[in-house]
Amino acid sequence: MTSTTILNPIVIENVIQSKMRGKVTYQSYMSASIALNLTYVKPYDHPSGKGYQRPVDASRCSDFAMYLSKGSDSLFTPILINAGGNWEFSSYDKQRPSLGRLVCKAKASLMDGQHRIGGIQQYIQETQSEINIPFLSFHYLDEDEEIQLFDTINTKAKGIGSSLSKYLRRDTDDVSWIATELLIRRESPFYEKGSIIGKRSKGRHITLQNLYRTVNLLTSRISTLQKQEKLIAAIEYYSALQANFPNEWADYKGSKLTHIVCIDAFSIAGSHLIAKSLTENKRHIDIKVIKQYVSKIKNKIDWSADGRLKYVKGMSGSKQLAVELREFMEPENKD
């Protein structure tokens, strides 16, 4: 059983005492080395029968350690702990009754943040450095309250979703930026056809995450180009598809053309065509060449939702369809 004792009391300064729903809480920060010695985890198979934590995922800890290596931009949220009544608060003076110090006489249970703590431990060991960890501690929760709060945190909270995540990274990630521009630019064939937050609705059947993946496929062979050139290539390529199949592009229900499995197929095939449409200096895209390639596919495939493409699904289906598309658009090169 994990020991909660410490050899000597540990003092934490500049602590703010407050209440949350009637429960006394403390907010402050402590050094990583202190946090590692002052917190412990109750695993799900704890002998007391009151454990709840999953085993630590080493890869998540490593990812967080790598995140911390970014320096001052690597901000993170406070860890959540339960002092179990073993931490005593005393205010500095009567004029500031909510500001003071904690005397910690035993370890606190780590309720939320074990992967952050694991990543921080790895980071300080690798860099021989020290960082401060913000925390929010309850003065006392009984074991059942602790388990209930852990369950609420891990089951009721909902992530922002991969589409919105890509949108938030658009200023630092080129593919996120291109995918976002495809949704918000009027000249894009995806304008008003997609959802930035990932929620599909009538007429908006493509998510930003869908476009992120398909742009990655489309631009995989032109990685050296500037993002603006990649965006131009994407708009021109997909616009050529829209121009050659205007009815199918507008009919999501009756046509498979704009279903993501087919868009991905066009992107896989298009990555080869766009690479071949580079100008001699390899810095720009020859739009005429792109349009010539796409025009060759017209009247070659039945895109109806009830046709032979009805059961084409997933990335494996996209890859198979891409081979067929290349044979039509690029008959001189079937490699």
Protein backbone atom coordinates (compact mmCIF):
# COMPACT_ATOMS: atom_id res chain seq x y z
CA MET A 1 0.00 0.00 0.00
CA THR A 2 1.29 3.47 -0.90
CA SER A 3 2.61 5.36 2.10
CA THR A 4 1.19 8.85 2.64
CA THR A 5 3.70 9.86 5.30
CA ILE A 6 6.52 12.35 4.83
CA LEU A 7 9.64 12.70 6.98
CA ASN A 8 9.16 16.40 7.73
CA PRO A 9 6.32 18.86 7.18
CA ILE A 10 6.52 20.87 3.96
CA VAL A 11 5.54 24.53 3.90
CA ILE A 12 3.90 26.18 0.88
CA GLU A 13 3.71 29.96 0.83
CA ASN A 14 1.36 32.42 -0.91
CA VAL A 15 -1.69 30.20 -0.70
CA ILE A 16 -5.21 31.47 -1.34
CA GLN A 17 -7.92 29.86 0.76
CA SER A 18 -11.49 29.84 -0.52
CA LYS A 19 -14.61 27.71 -0.64
CA MET A 20 -16.21 25.72 -3.43
CA ARG A 21 -19.75 24.50 -2.80
CA GLY A 22 -19.04 24.58 0.92
CA LYS A 23 -15.72 22.76 0.63
CA VAL A 24 -12.53 24.53 1.75
CA THR A 25 -9.97 24.77 -1.08
CA TYR A 26 -6.40 26.00 -1.46
CA GLN A 27 -4.79 27.46 -4.58
CA SER A 28 -1.11 28.11 -5.13
CA TYR A 29 1.91 26.47 -6.75
CA MET A 30 4.81 24.27 -5.69
CA SER A 31 8.03 23.17 -7.28
CA ALA A 32 8.02 19.99 -9.32
CA SER A 33 10.36 18.24 -6.89
CA ILE A 34 8.03 19.02 -3.98
CA ALA A 35 4.95 17.94 -5.95
CA LEU A 36 6.53 14.59 -6.73
CA ASN A 37 7.16 13.98 -3.02
CA LEU A 38 3.89 15.44 -1.76
CA THR A 39 1.34 13.65 -3.96
CA TYR A 40 0.40 10.04 -4.52
CA VAL A 41 -2.03 8.14 -6.74
CA LYS A 42 -4.75 5.69 -5.72
CA PRO A 43 -4.73 3.00 -8.45
CA TYR A 44 -8.00 1.32 -9.40
CA ASP A 45 -6.81 -1.92 -7.71
CA HIS A 46 -5.88 -0.24 -4.43
CA PRO A 47 -6.15 -2.73 -1.51
CA SER A 48 -8.59 -0.42 0.28
CA GLY A 49 -11.13 -0.91 -2.49
CA LYS A 50 -11.31 2.86 -2.85
CA GLY A 51 -8.84 3.27 -5.69
CA TYR A 52 -9.87 4.73 -9.06
CA GLN A 53 -6.90 5.82 -11.17
CA ARG A 54 -6.02 4.11 -14.46
CA PRO A 55 -2.45 2.93 -15.09
CA VAL A 56 -0.22 5.71 -16.37
CA ASP A 57 0.17 5.86 -20.15
CA ALA A 58 3.91 6.37 -20.67
CA SER A 59 3.40 7.78 -24.16
CA ARG A 60 1.10 10.52 -22.82
CA CYS A 61 3.72 11.44 -20.23
CA SER A 62 6.38 11.60 -22.93
CA ASP A 63 4.11 13.76 -25.09
CA PHE A 64 3.64 16.19 -22.21
CA ALA A 65 7.39 16.27 -21.51
CA MET A 66 7.94 17.13 -25.17
CA TYR A 67 5.27 19.84 -24.88
CA LEU A 68 7.09 21.37 -21.91
CA SER A 69 10.27 21.61 -23.99
CA LYS A 70 8.60 24.42 -25.99
CA GLY A 71 9.47 26.77 -23.16
CA SER A 72 7.37 29.73 -22.06
CA ASP A 73 4.55 28.86 -24.49
CA SER A 74 3.90 25.49 -22.83
CA LEU A 75 1.24 26.55 -20.33
CA PHE A 76 -0.82 23.96 -18.48
CA THR A 77 -3.73 23.76 -16.05
CA PRO A 78 -3.44 23.16 -12.28
CA ILE A 79 -3.40 19.64 -10.90
CA LEU A 80 -6.30 18.69 -8.61
CA ILE A 81 -5.54 17.11 -5.24
CA ASN A 82 -7.21 16.11 -1.99
CA ALA A 83 -5.23 16.96 1.15
CA GLY A 84 -7.42 14.66 3.23
CA GLY A 85 -7.38 17.04 6.19
CA ASN A 86 -3.60 16.75 6.56
CA TRP A 87 -2.72 20.28 5.41
CA GLU A 88 -3.13 23.19 7.82
CA PHE A 89 -3.66 26.76 6.63
CA SER A 90 -2.72 29.88 8.57
CA SER A 91 -3.26 33.41 7.28
CA TYR A 92 -0.47 35.96 7.24
CA ASP A 93 -2.51 38.55 9.11
CA LYS A 94 -6.07 39.59 9.95
CA GLN A 95 -6.19 42.07 7.08
CA ARG A 96 -5.60 39.21 4.59
CA PRO A 97 -7.44 36.24 6.09
CA SER A 98 -7.56 34.32 2.82
CA LEU A 99 -3.83 34.61 2.04
CA GLY A 100 -1.29 32.59 3.95
CA ARG A 101 0.76 29.41 4.17
CA LEU A 102 0.07 25.69 4.21
CA VAL A 103 1.87 23.28 6.48
CA CYS A 104 1.65 19.90 4.79
CA LYS A 105 2.01 17.00 7.21
CA ALA A 106 1.21 14.17 4.80
CA LYS A 107 0.91 13.45 1.11
CA ALA A 108 -2.19 14.48 -0.85
CA SER A 109 -4.13 12.27 -3.23
CA LEU A 110 -3.68 13.27 -6.87
CA MET A 111 -7.15 13.23 -8.42
CA ASP A 112 -6.47 14.86 -11.79
CA GLY A 113 -3.09 15.38 -13.42
CA GLN A 114 -1.10 12.15 -13.14
CA HIS A 115 0.04 12.34 -16.78
CA ARG A 116 1.06 15.96 -16.30
CA ILE A 117 3.02 14.96 -13.20
CA GLY A 118 4.57 12.03 -15.08
CA GLY A 119 5.55 14.27 -17.97
CA ILE A 120 6.96 16.90 -15.63
CA GLN A 121 9.03 14.26 -13.84
CA GLN A 122 10.46 13.10 -17.15
CA TYR A 123 11.13 16.68 -18.24
CA ILE A 124 13.02 17.77 -15.10
CA GLN A 125 15.08 14.57 -15.13
CA GLU A 126 16.07 15.04 -18.77
CA THR A 127 16.77 18.77 -18.50
CA GLN A 128 18.08 18.94 -14.92
CA SER A 129 15.76 21.89 -14.38
CA GLU A 130 12.94 22.87 -12.06
CA ILE A 131 9.46 24.24 -12.81
CA ASN A 132 6.50 25.32 -10.71
CA ILE A 133 3.25 23.37 -10.78
CA PRO A 134 -0.02 25.18 -10.07
CA PHE A 135 -2.50 23.26 -7.92
CA LEU A 136 -6.03 23.35 -6.57
CA SER A 137 -6.40 21.32 -3.38
CA PHE A 138 -9.47 20.39 -1.37
CA HIS A 139 -8.85 20.54 2.36
CA TYR A 140 -10.84 17.34 2.86
CA LEU A 141 -12.91 15.01 0.72
CA ASP A 142 -13.85 11.58 1.96
CA GLU A 143 -13.01 8.63 -0.26
CA ASP A 144 -16.45 8.39 -1.84
CA GLU A 145 -16.52 12.13 -2.62
CA GLU A 146 -13.07 11.83 -4.16
CA ILE A 147 -14.14 8.94 -6.41
CA GLN A 148 -17.34 10.72 -7.42
CA LEU A 149 -15.45 13.88 -8.41
CA PHE A 150 -12.90 11.86 -10.39
CA ASP A 151 -15.73 10.11 -12.21
CA THR A 152 -17.42 13.42 -13.00
CA ILE A 153 -14.21 14.96 -14.35
CA ASN A 154 -13.50 12.02 -16.62
CA THR A 155 -17.00 11.24 -17.88
CA LYS A 156 -18.97 14.49 -17.92
CA ALA A 157 -16.35 16.82 -19.36
CA LYS A 158 -16.35 16.88 -23.16
CA GLY A 159 -13.34 17.69 -25.32
CA ILE A 160 -13.51 20.46 -27.88
CA GLY A 161 -13.30 18.01 -30.77
CA SER A 162 -10.66 17.54 -33.43
CA SER A 163 -12.20 20.02 -35.89
CA LEU A 164 -12.20 22.96 -33.50
CA SER A 165 -8.71 21.94 -32.35
CA LYS A 166 -7.46 22.22 -35.94
CA TYR A 167 -9.09 25.66 -36.24
CA LEU A 168 -7.35 26.88 -33.09
CA ARG A 169 -3.98 25.77 -34.51
CA ARG A 170 -4.42 27.50 -37.87
CA ASP A 171 -1.84 30.20 -37.08
CA THR A 172 0.90 27.68 -36.32
CA ASP A 173 0.03 24.72 -38.55
CA ASP A 174 -0.06 25.16 -42.33
CA VAL A 175 -2.47 22.30 -43.04
CA SER A 176 -4.92 23.59 -40.41
CA TRP A 177 -4.72 27.03 -42.03
CA ILE A 178 -5.34 25.68 -45.54
CA ALA A 179 -8.27 23.52 -44.38
CA THR A 180 -9.80 26.50 -42.58
CA GLU A 181 -9.39 28.77 -45.60
CA LEU A 182 -11.15 26.18 -47.78
CA LEU A 183 -14.19 26.53 -45.53
CA ILE A 184 -14.30 30.31 -45.18
CA ARG A 185 -13.20 31.64 -48.58
CA ARG A 186 -16.00 32.43 -50.99
CA GLU A 187 -13.99 31.25 -53.99
CA SER A 188 -13.56 27.81 -52.43
CA PRO A 189 -15.92 25.03 -53.57
CA PHE A 190 -16.23 24.03 -49.89
CA TYR A 191 -17.53 27.45 -48.85
CA GLU A 192 -20.67 26.99 -46.71
CA LYS A 193 -20.41 23.22 -47.13
CA GLY A 194 -18.44 22.45 -44.00
CA SER A 195 -18.35 22.86 -40.24
CA ILE A 196 -15.45 24.38 -38.33
CA ILE A 197 -16.63 23.04 -34.97
CA GLY A 198 -17.21 19.53 -36.32
CA LYS A 199 -21.01 19.53 -36.05
CA ARG A 200 -22.67 18.42 -39.28
CA SER A 201 -25.98 19.91 -40.36
CA LYS A 202 -28.05 20.14 -43.52
CA GLY A 203 -25.79 21.36 -46.31
CA ARG A 204 -22.70 21.21 -44.08
CA HIS A 205 -21.60 17.61 -44.28
CA ILE A 206 -17.81 18.06 -44.26
CA THR A 207 -15.94 18.84 -41.05
CA LEU A 208 -12.72 20.77 -40.68
CA GLN A 209 -11.08 17.54 -39.50
CA ASN A 210 -12.20 15.87 -42.77
CA LEU A 211 -10.61 18.66 -44.79
CA TYR A 212 -7.46 18.60 -42.68
CA ARG A 213 -6.92 14.95 -43.53
CA THR A 214 -7.74 15.37 -47.21
CA VAL A 215 -5.49 18.44 -47.57
CA ASN A 216 -2.69 16.42 -46.01
CA LEU A 217 -3.23 13.78 -48.68
CA LEU A 218 -3.42 16.32 -51.50
CA THR A 219 -0.31 18.29 -50.56
CA SER A 220 1.90 15.39 -49.49
CA ARG A 221 4.10 15.69 -52.61
CA ILE A 222 4.47 19.48 -52.63
CA SER A 223 5.71 19.97 -49.07
CA THR A 224 8.32 22.54 -50.13
CA LEU A 225 5.75 25.03 -51.41
CA GLN A 226 4.56 27.97 -49.32
CA LYS A 227 1.15 27.50 -47.71
CA GLN A 228 -0.39 30.15 -49.96
CA GLU A 229 0.67 28.15 -53.04
CA LYS A 230 -0.70 24.97 -51.51
CA LEU A 231 -4.01 26.72 -50.88
CA ILE A 232 -4.18 27.89 -54.49
CA ALA A 233 -3.50 24.34 -55.66
CA ALA A 234 -6.24 22.97 -53.42
CA ILE A 235 -8.83 25.56 -54.46
CA GLU A 236 -8.07 25.12 -58.15
CA TYR A 237 -8.08 21.34 -57.99
CA TYR A 238 -11.35 20.99 -56.08
CA SER A 239 -12.90 23.82 -58.13
CA ALA A 240 -12.05 21.87 -61.29
CA LEU A 241 -13.92 18.90 -59.85
CA GLN A 242 -16.90 21.13 -59.08
CA ALA A 243 -16.83 22.60 -62.61
CA ASN A 244 -16.75 19.18 -64.27
CA PHE A 245 -19.44 17.71 -62.01
CA PRO A 246 -21.67 20.66 -60.99
CA ASN A 247 -24.81 18.59 -60.38
CA GLU A 248 -23.04 15.88 -58.42
CA TRP A 249 -21.13 18.46 -56.36
CA ALA A 250 -24.40 20.10 -55.33
CA ASP A 251 -26.24 16.83 -54.56
CA TYR A 252 -24.79 15.26 -51.45
CA LYS A 253 -27.74 12.95 -50.91
CA GLY A 254 -27.94 11.61 -54.46
CA SER A 255 -24.24 11.60 -55.33
CA LYS A 256 -21.15 10.12 -53.68
CA LEU A 257 -18.83 12.72 -55.20
CA THR A 258 -18.59 15.00 -52.16
CA HIS A 259 -18.66 12.21 -49.58
CA ILE A 260 -15.35 12.29 -47.79
CA VAL A 261 -14.38 8.80 -49.00
CA CYS A 262 -14.45 10.11 -52.58
CA ILE A 263 -12.89 13.47 -51.73
CA ASP A 264 -10.01 11.59 -50.10
CA ALA A 265 -9.68 9.44 -53.22
CA PHE A 266 -9.46 12.55 -55.39
CA SER A 267 -6.87 13.99 -52.99
CA ILE A 268 -4.70 10.87 -53.12
CA ALA A 269 -4.84 10.83 -56.92
CA GLY A 270 -4.47 14.60 -57.07
CA SER A 271 -1.25 14.58 -55.06
CA HIS A 272 0.49 12.96 -58.04
CA LEU A 273 -1.12 15.32 -60.58
CA ILE A 274 -0.36 18.50 -58.65
CA ALA A 275 3.27 17.46 -58.23
CA LYS A 276 3.46 17.10 -62.01
CA SER A 277 1.85 20.49 -62.56
CA LEU A 278 4.68 22.38 -60.85
CA THR A 279 6.32 25.01 -63.01
CA GLU A 280 9.98 24.67 -63.96
CA ASN A 281 11.18 26.57 -60.91
CA LYS A 282 9.14 24.23 -58.66
CA ARG A 283 7.66 27.21 -56.81
CA HIS A 284 4.25 27.56 -58.43
CA ILE A 285 1.39 25.42 -59.73
CA ASP A 286 0.36 25.44 -63.41
CA ILE A 287 -3.41 25.72 -63.06
CA LYS A 288 -4.05 24.84 -66.72
CA VAL A 289 -2.33 21.50 -66.25
CA ILE A 290 -4.50 20.71 -63.21
CA LYS A 291 -7.68 21.47 -65.16
CA GLN A 292 -6.54 19.32 -68.08
CA TYR A 293 -5.99 16.33 -65.82
CA VAL A 294 -9.35 16.69 -64.09
CA SER A 295 -11.28 17.11 -67.35
CA LYS A 296 -10.25 13.59 -68.38
CA ILE A 297 -12.40 12.02 -65.67
CA LYS A 298 -15.66 13.51 -66.95
CA ASN A 299 -18.32 10.89 -67.83
CA LYS A 300 -15.99 8.06 -66.75
CA ILE A 301 -17.52 7.14 -63.38
CA ASP A 302 -21.07 6.80 -62.08
CA TRP A 303 -21.16 8.91 -58.92
CA SER A 304 -24.75 8.10 -57.94
CA ALA A 305 -25.26 7.17 -54.30
CA ASP A 306 -26.97 3.92 -55.30
CA GLY A 307 -24.41 2.99 -57.95
CA ARG A 308 -21.31 0.85 -57.73
CA LEU A 309 -19.65 3.26 -55.30
CA LYS A 310 -22.40 2.73 -52.73
CA TYR A 311 -20.29 0.39 -50.62
CA VAL A 312 -16.94 2.14 -51.01
CA LYS A 313 -15.96 3.14 -47.48
CA GLY A 314 -12.95 4.05 -45.35
CA MET A 315 -9.41 4.86 -46.32
CA SER A 316 -8.97 1.48 -48.01
CA GLY A 317 -11.89 2.33 -50.30
CA SER A 318 -10.41 5.77 -50.99
CA LYS A 319 -7.06 4.26 -51.95
CA GLN A 320 -8.67 1.76 -54.32
CA LEU A 321 -10.77 4.46 -55.97
CA ALA A 322 -7.70 6.72 -56.25
CA VAL A 323 -5.96 4.10 -58.39
CA GLU A 324 -8.89 4.11 -60.79
CA LEU A 325 -9.01 7.90 -60.89
CA ARG A 326 -5.32 8.10 -61.78
CA GLU A 327 -5.82 5.64 -64.64
CA PHE A 328 -8.40 8.00 -66.15
CA MET A 329 -6.72 11.32 -65.38
CA GLU A 330 -3.14 10.17 -66.01
CA PRO A 331 -3.35 7.28 -68.48
CA GLU A 332 0.25 7.77 -69.60
CA ASN A 333 1.55 6.88 -66.13
CA LYS A 334 -0.05 3.99 -64.25
CA ASP A 335 2.68 3.39 -61.71
